[in-house]
Protein backbone atom coordinates (compact mmCIF):
# COMPACT_ATOMS: atom_id res chain seq x y z
CA MET A 1 -4.10 14.40 31.23
CA ALA A 2 -6.60 12.46 29.14
CA THR A 3 -5.81 8.83 28.31
CA ASP A 4 -4.73 8.47 24.69
CA ILE A 5 -6.59 5.19 24.06
CA LEU A 6 -9.85 4.33 25.79
CA PRO A 7 -11.05 0.69 25.91
CA GLU A 8 -14.47 1.64 24.54
CA ASP A 9 -12.80 3.23 21.51
CA LEU A 10 -11.64 -0.17 20.27
CA GLY A 11 -15.10 -1.53 19.55
CA PHE A 12 -16.25 1.80 18.15
CA PHE A 13 -13.36 2.02 15.67
CA SER A 14 -13.74 -1.63 14.63
CA ALA A 15 -17.43 -1.03 13.91
CA LEU A 16 -16.61 2.17 12.04
CA ALA A 17 -14.03 0.44 9.83
CA SER A 18 -16.41 -2.45 9.08
CA ALA A 19 -19.24 -0.09 8.15
CA GLY A 20 -17.11 1.76 5.60
CA SER A 21 -18.65 5.19 6.11
CA LEU A 22 -19.68 7.51 8.94
CA SER A 23 -23.37 7.29 8.04
CA ALA A 24 -23.32 3.48 7.84
CA ALA A 25 -21.52 3.33 11.19
CA ALA A 26 -24.14 5.63 12.68
CA ARG A 27 -26.92 3.27 11.55
CA GLU A 28 -24.99 0.28 12.91
CA LEU A 29 -24.33 1.92 16.29
CA GLY A 30 -27.76 3.50 16.60
CA ILE A 31 -26.50 7.08 16.88
CA THR A 32 -26.39 10.10 14.59
CA THR A 33 -23.75 10.70 11.93
CA PRO A 34 -22.55 13.92 13.65
CA ALA A 35 -22.10 11.91 16.87
CA VAL A 36 -19.92 9.39 15.03
CA SER A 37 -17.87 12.20 13.49
CA LYS A 38 -17.47 13.92 16.86
CA ARG A 39 -16.32 10.75 18.63
CA LEU A 40 -13.83 9.98 15.86
CA ALA A 41 -12.48 13.53 16.06
CA GLN A 42 -12.05 13.15 19.83
CA MET A 43 -10.10 9.92 19.34
CA GLU A 44 -7.82 11.52 16.79
CA ALA A 45 -7.29 14.56 19.02
CA ARG A 46 -6.24 12.40 21.96
CA LEU A 47 -3.86 10.39 19.78
CA GLY A 48 -2.53 13.39 17.87
CA ILE A 49 -2.83 11.55 14.55
CA ALA A 50 -5.37 11.10 11.77
CA LEU A 51 -6.99 7.66 11.67
CA VAL A 52 -9.43 8.19 8.82
CA ILE A 53 -9.44 10.04 5.49
CA ARG A 54 -12.97 11.35 4.98
CA THR A 55 -14.62 11.89 1.62
CA THR A 56 -18.19 12.81 0.73
CA ARG A 57 -19.53 9.26 0.55
CA ARG A 58 -16.75 6.97 1.68
CA MET A 59 -13.83 6.89 4.02
CA SER A 60 -10.48 5.14 4.08
CA LEU A 61 -8.03 4.43 6.86
CA THR A 62 -4.66 6.09 7.13
CA PRO A 63 -1.63 3.82 7.72
CA GLU A 64 -1.95 4.70 11.42
CA GLY A 65 -5.64 3.85 11.26
CA GLU A 66 -4.86 0.44 9.73
CA LEU A 67 -2.39 -0.24 12.55
CA TYR A 68 -4.91 0.90 15.18
CA LEU A 69 -7.59 -1.34 13.66
CA GLU A 70 -5.31 -4.37 13.53
CA HIS A 71 -4.43 -4.11 17.22
CA ALA A 72 -7.95 -3.16 18.28
CA ARG A 73 -9.44 -6.25 16.67
CA ARG A 74 -6.78 -8.49 18.15
CA ILE A 75 -7.45 -7.07 21.64
CA LEU A 76 -11.21 -7.50 21.19
CA SER A 77 -10.60 -11.07 20.05
CA GLU A 78 -8.51 -11.77 23.15
CA ILE A 79 -11.28 -10.34 25.33
CA ASP A 80 -13.72 -12.74 23.68
CA ASP A 81 -11.29 -15.59 24.39
CA MET A 82 -11.08 -14.61 28.04
CA GLN A 83 -14.86 -14.46 28.33
CA GLU A 84 -15.11 -17.94 26.85
CA LEU A 85 -12.49 -19.30 29.24
CA LEU A 86 -14.36 -17.80 32.18
CA GLY A 87 -17.69 -19.10 30.93
CA VAL A 88 -19.11 -15.60 30.60
CA SER A 89 -20.08 -15.99 26.95
CA LYS A 90 -22.15 -19.15 27.52
CA ALA A 91 -20.23 -20.85 24.71
CA VAL A 92 -21.91 -18.87 21.92
CA PRO A 93 -19.48 -18.38 18.99
CA LYS A 94 -18.85 -14.68 18.55
CA GLY A 95 -16.10 -12.18 17.90
CA LEU A 96 -13.49 -11.76 15.19
CA LEU A 97 -12.27 -14.82 13.28
CA ARG A 98 -9.33 -14.31 10.88
CA VAL A 99 -9.08 -17.04 8.23
CA ASN A 100 -6.41 -17.62 5.60
CA ALA A 101 -6.60 -19.98 2.62
CA THR A 102 -4.96 -20.45 -0.76
CA LEU A 103 -6.31 -18.54 -3.74
CA GLY A 104 -8.17 -21.16 -5.77
CA PHE A 105 -9.26 -23.44 -2.95
CA GLY A 106 -10.24 -20.52 -0.76
CA ARG A 107 -12.33 -18.95 -3.50
CA SER A 108 -14.05 -22.17 -4.59
CA HIS A 109 -14.50 -24.05 -1.31
CA VAL A 110 -13.70 -22.00 1.82
CA ALA A 111 -15.58 -18.81 0.93
CA PRO A 112 -18.94 -20.59 0.32
CA LEU A 113 -18.58 -22.42 3.65
CA ILE A 114 -17.90 -19.13 5.44
CA SER A 115 -21.13 -17.76 3.94
CA ARG A 116 -23.05 -20.66 5.51
CA PHE A 117 -21.07 -20.42 8.78
CA VAL A 118 -21.88 -16.75 9.46
CA ARG A 119 -25.52 -17.37 8.63
CA LYS A 120 -25.53 -19.98 11.38
CA TYR A 121 -23.40 -17.90 13.77
CA PRO A 122 -24.19 -14.24 12.99
CA GLN A 123 -22.24 -12.96 16.02
CA VAL A 124 -18.95 -14.08 14.43
CA GLU A 125 -17.16 -11.55 12.22
CA VAL A 126 -15.03 -13.38 9.67
CA GLN A 127 -12.11 -11.84 7.77
CA LEU A 128 -10.99 -14.10 4.91
CA GLN A 129 -7.65 -13.45 3.24
CA LEU A 130 -6.50 -15.49 0.26
CA SER A 131 -2.80 -15.79 -0.51
CA VAL A 132 -0.55 -17.69 -2.87
CA ASN A 133 1.72 -18.89 -0.06
CA PRO A 134 0.65 -19.85 3.47
CA PRO A 135 1.59 -17.20 6.04
CA PRO A 136 4.38 -18.00 8.51
CA LEU A 137 2.94 -19.96 11.40
CA THR A 138 4.95 -17.91 13.88
CA GLU A 139 3.06 -14.73 13.01
CA ASP A 140 -0.14 -13.82 14.84
CA ALA A 141 -1.91 -12.70 11.68
CA PHE A 142 -4.62 -15.38 11.50
CA ASP A 143 -6.71 -17.52 13.82
CA VAL A 144 -7.19 -20.43 11.39
CA CYS A 145 -5.30 -21.32 8.21
CA ILE A 146 -6.65 -23.84 5.71
CA ARG A 147 -3.69 -25.49 4.04
CA PHE A 148 -2.60 -28.57 2.16
CA GLY A 149 -0.41 -30.97 4.12
CA ALA A 150 0.24 -30.98 7.84
CA PRO A 151 2.76 -28.32 8.96
CA PRO A 152 5.98 -29.49 10.61
CA ASP A 153 5.64 -26.93 13.40
CA THR A 154 4.59 -28.62 16.65
CA ARG A 155 3.58 -25.30 18.21
CA VAL A 156 0.34 -25.31 16.24
CA ILE A 157 -2.59 -27.69 16.02
CA ALA A 158 -3.26 -29.24 12.62
CA ARG A 159 -6.61 -30.97 12.31
CA ARG A 160 -7.16 -33.05 9.19
CA ILE A 161 -10.47 -31.95 7.74
CA ALA A 162 -10.48 -33.70 4.36
CA PRO A 163 -8.47 -36.22 2.36
CA ASN A 164 -6.85 -34.91 -0.78
CA ARG A 165 -4.85 -36.31 -3.67
CA ARG A 166 -2.94 -34.49 -6.33
CA LEU A 167 -3.69 -36.02 -9.70
CA LEU A 168 -2.22 -35.71 -13.18
CA CYS A 169 -4.77 -34.84 -15.82
CA ALA A 170 -5.21 -33.51 -19.35
CA SER A 171 -8.03 -32.88 -21.78
CA PRO A 172 -9.08 -35.67 -24.16
CA ALA A 173 -8.17 -33.39 -27.08
CA TYR A 174 -4.60 -32.95 -25.85
CA LEU A 175 -4.10 -36.68 -25.29
CA ALA A 176 -5.59 -37.51 -28.69
CA LYS A 177 -3.12 -35.16 -30.34
CA HIS A 178 0.02 -35.84 -28.29
CA GLY A 179 -0.49 -39.34 -26.93
CA THR A 180 -0.93 -40.63 -23.38
CA PRO A 181 2.11 -41.06 -21.11
CA LYS A 182 2.71 -44.64 -20.01
CA VAL A 183 5.48 -44.09 -17.42
CA PRO A 184 6.63 -40.96 -15.52
CA ASN A 185 9.62 -40.34 -17.78
CA ASP A 186 7.22 -39.86 -20.70
CA LEU A 187 6.14 -36.58 -19.09
CA ALA A 188 9.44 -35.01 -20.14
CA GLN A 189 8.24 -35.21 -23.74
CA HIS A 190 4.95 -33.45 -23.04
CA ASN A 191 3.86 -29.88 -22.52
CA CYS A 192 3.25 -29.64 -18.76
CA ILE A 193 1.45 -26.73 -17.15
CA GLY A 194 3.49 -25.34 -14.24
CA ILE A 195 2.16 -23.83 -11.01
CA ARG A 196 4.41 -21.80 -8.73
CA GLN A 197 2.86 -22.07 -5.29
CA GLY A 198 4.12 -22.51 -1.74
CA GLU A 199 7.61 -23.67 -0.96
CA GLU A 200 7.56 -26.78 -3.14
CA ALA A 201 10.29 -27.20 -5.70
CA TYR A 202 9.03 -25.74 -8.94
CA GLY A 203 9.30 -27.72 -12.16
CA VAL A 204 9.74 -31.13 -10.51
CA TRP A 205 6.91 -33.65 -10.20
CA ARG A 206 7.36 -36.56 -7.80
CA LEU A 207 5.37 -39.72 -8.47
CA LEU A 208 5.15 -42.77 -6.23
CA SER A 209 4.65 -46.37 -7.29
CA GLY A 210 3.81 -48.98 -4.68
CA ARG A 211 2.78 -48.37 -1.08
CA GLY A 212 4.36 -48.44 2.35
CA ARG A 213 7.90 -49.81 2.50
CA ASN A 214 7.74 -50.82 -1.15
CA ALA A 215 7.00 -47.28 -2.35
CA VAL A 216 9.41 -45.93 -4.95
CA THR A 217 9.56 -42.23 -5.82
CA GLU A 218 10.42 -41.01 -9.32
CA SER A 219 11.23 -37.34 -9.89
CA VAL A 220 10.53 -35.86 -13.30
CA LYS A 221 11.74 -32.48 -14.50
CA ILE A 222 8.85 -31.05 -16.47
CA ARG A 223 8.81 -28.44 -19.19
CA GLY A 224 6.10 -26.37 -20.79
CA ASN A 225 5.21 -22.97 -22.19
CA LEU A 226 2.58 -22.04 -19.60
CA THR A 227 3.17 -21.19 -15.94
CA THR A 228 1.04 -19.41 -13.34
CA ASN A 229 0.66 -18.96 -9.60
CA ASP A 230 -3.13 -19.31 -9.83
CA GLY A 231 -4.51 -22.86 -9.81
CA GLU A 232 -7.83 -21.91 -11.38
CA ILE A 233 -6.05 -20.42 -14.39
CA ALA A 234 -3.93 -23.57 -14.73
CA VAL A 235 -7.06 -25.76 -14.70
CA ASN A 236 -8.63 -23.62 -17.42
CA TRP A 237 -5.51 -24.00 -19.55
CA ALA A 238 -5.71 -27.77 -19.15
CA LEU A 239 -9.39 -27.67 -20.12
CA ASP A 240 -8.38 -25.71 -23.23
CA GLY A 241 -6.06 -28.56 -24.23
CA HIS A 242 -2.68 -26.89 -23.61
CA GLY A 243 -1.01 -29.69 -21.66
CA ILE A 244 -0.80 -31.98 -18.66
CA LEU A 245 -1.50 -30.60 -15.20
CA MET A 246 -0.93 -31.78 -11.62
CA ARG A 247 -3.72 -30.47 -9.41
CA ALA A 248 -5.65 -31.31 -6.25
CA GLU A 249 -8.62 -33.61 -6.71
CA TRP A 250 -10.81 -31.02 -4.98
CA ASP A 251 -10.12 -28.62 -7.86
CA ILE A 252 -10.53 -30.99 -10.80
CA GLY A 253 -12.92 -33.65 -9.48
CA ARG A 254 -15.97 -32.29 -11.29
CA TYR A 255 -14.09 -32.16 -14.59
CA LEU A 256 -12.89 -35.75 -14.22
CA GLN A 257 -16.47 -36.84 -13.54
CA SER A 258 -17.79 -34.99 -16.58
CA GLY A 259 -15.01 -36.25 -18.84
CA ARG A 260 -13.65 -32.80 -19.68
CA LEU A 261 -10.38 -33.92 -18.10
CA VAL A 262 -8.86 -37.41 -18.05
CA GLN A 263 -6.54 -38.73 -15.35
CA VAL A 264 -3.01 -39.44 -16.55
CA LEU A 265 -0.78 -42.17 -15.05
CA PRO A 266 -3.50 -43.24 -12.56
CA GLN A 267 -1.33 -46.12 -11.30
CA TYR A 268 1.10 -43.60 -9.81
CA HIS A 269 0.53 -41.47 -6.73
CA THR A 270 1.79 -38.08 -5.58
CA PRO A 271 2.87 -37.30 -1.99
CA ASP A 272 -0.10 -36.85 0.37
CA ALA A 273 -1.61 -33.39 0.45
CA ASP A 274 -4.53 -33.77 2.86
CA ILE A 275 -6.37 -30.60 3.84
CA HIS A 276 -5.76 -29.36 7.38
CA ALA A 277 -7.13 -26.58 9.55
CA VAL A 278 -4.14 -25.10 11.34
CA TYR A 279 -4.39 -22.86 14.39
CA PRO A 280 -2.24 -21.87 17.40
CA GLN A 281 -2.54 -24.01 20.52
CA ARG A 282 -3.76 -21.02 22.53
CA HIS A 283 -6.86 -20.85 20.27
CA GLN A 284 -7.98 -24.42 20.91
CA THR A 285 -10.32 -23.25 23.67
CA ALA A 286 -11.81 -20.39 21.64
CA VAL A 287 -15.44 -21.22 20.91
CA ARG A 288 -15.49 -19.42 17.56
CA VAL A 289 -12.38 -21.31 16.37
CA ARG A 290 -13.67 -24.70 17.51
CA ALA A 291 -17.08 -24.00 15.96
CA PHE A 292 -15.55 -22.97 12.63
CA VAL A 293 -13.16 -25.92 12.41
CA ASP A 294 -15.94 -28.36 13.37
CA PHE A 295 -18.24 -26.76 10.80
CA ILE A 296 -15.87 -27.01 7.87
CA ALA A 297 -14.72 -30.52 8.85
CA LEU A 298 -18.34 -31.72 8.85
CA SER A 299 -19.06 -29.91 5.57
CA PHE A 300 -16.07 -31.48 3.82
CA ALA A 301 -16.96 -34.91 5.24
CA GLN A 302 -20.49 -34.57 3.83
CA GLN A 303 -19.12 -33.61 0.42
CA THR A 304 -16.72 -36.57 0.44
CA THR A 305 -19.54 -38.96 1.42
CA ALA A 306 -21.69 -37.56 -1.37
CA GLY A 307 -18.99 -38.32 -3.93
CA LYS A 308 -17.55 -34.82 -4.17
CA PRO A 309 -15.20 -33.34 -5.09
């Protein structure tokens, strides 16, 4: 009886899915399109299920094909890890790297760095997924997560890659029309732009005065007529003069420098929200993970030194 799943099928199917079509996969693998079609048909016959829906120009994966691909790539990634541990790979970053980041920050900052990273390390295949909320750390869905604030879970490694402050800001036009808050309680009388993200309590802003043991936290219940789960949209609303916004310095730094936004209540601070690269302890020896984390940490450090964000 033929084996249902052959080890060599894993790499073939991963390449096929990445290529997006039978003809593109044929070019990538250096074989003919009929040969790709025949091998795929043999795989499906052994499994007794359809993995791919074929059309004239494109193809899509069936639900079973998506599941097969997910496990195939994880197995291939683990093989790469084993080769690195045994010294077989000569410490060259390669293999699949699954990265997660938040929507706005991932789009504006992480994606451009990944473009530079894969140019430097072309043997690494990066899958970037952006999400509103960070994925559960207990799930094996990602190799590296870029997130704000260190996670409380001790089963993962959290490397601080950049300092970050959340700042209050508004457009000069809004402040000219509605006045500038002097103390945190004044915010209750202003239109505040709300962002529903992560597990933080929505609609409550916490501001700190003083430092260390003398720090005092004031909680303010905000109100406003605009709310979103997308930080970039919220920043655009603030730029349009709709209200006061609390946002990471990395997202609004350029607007503060240009004067399009003005910091509000600068003498008060928000709880720390430094940027961390989070990954499972078992990945700390993976060359591709170490190379990626080192790369983005250096890139963020260079931006900070240069006065950015």
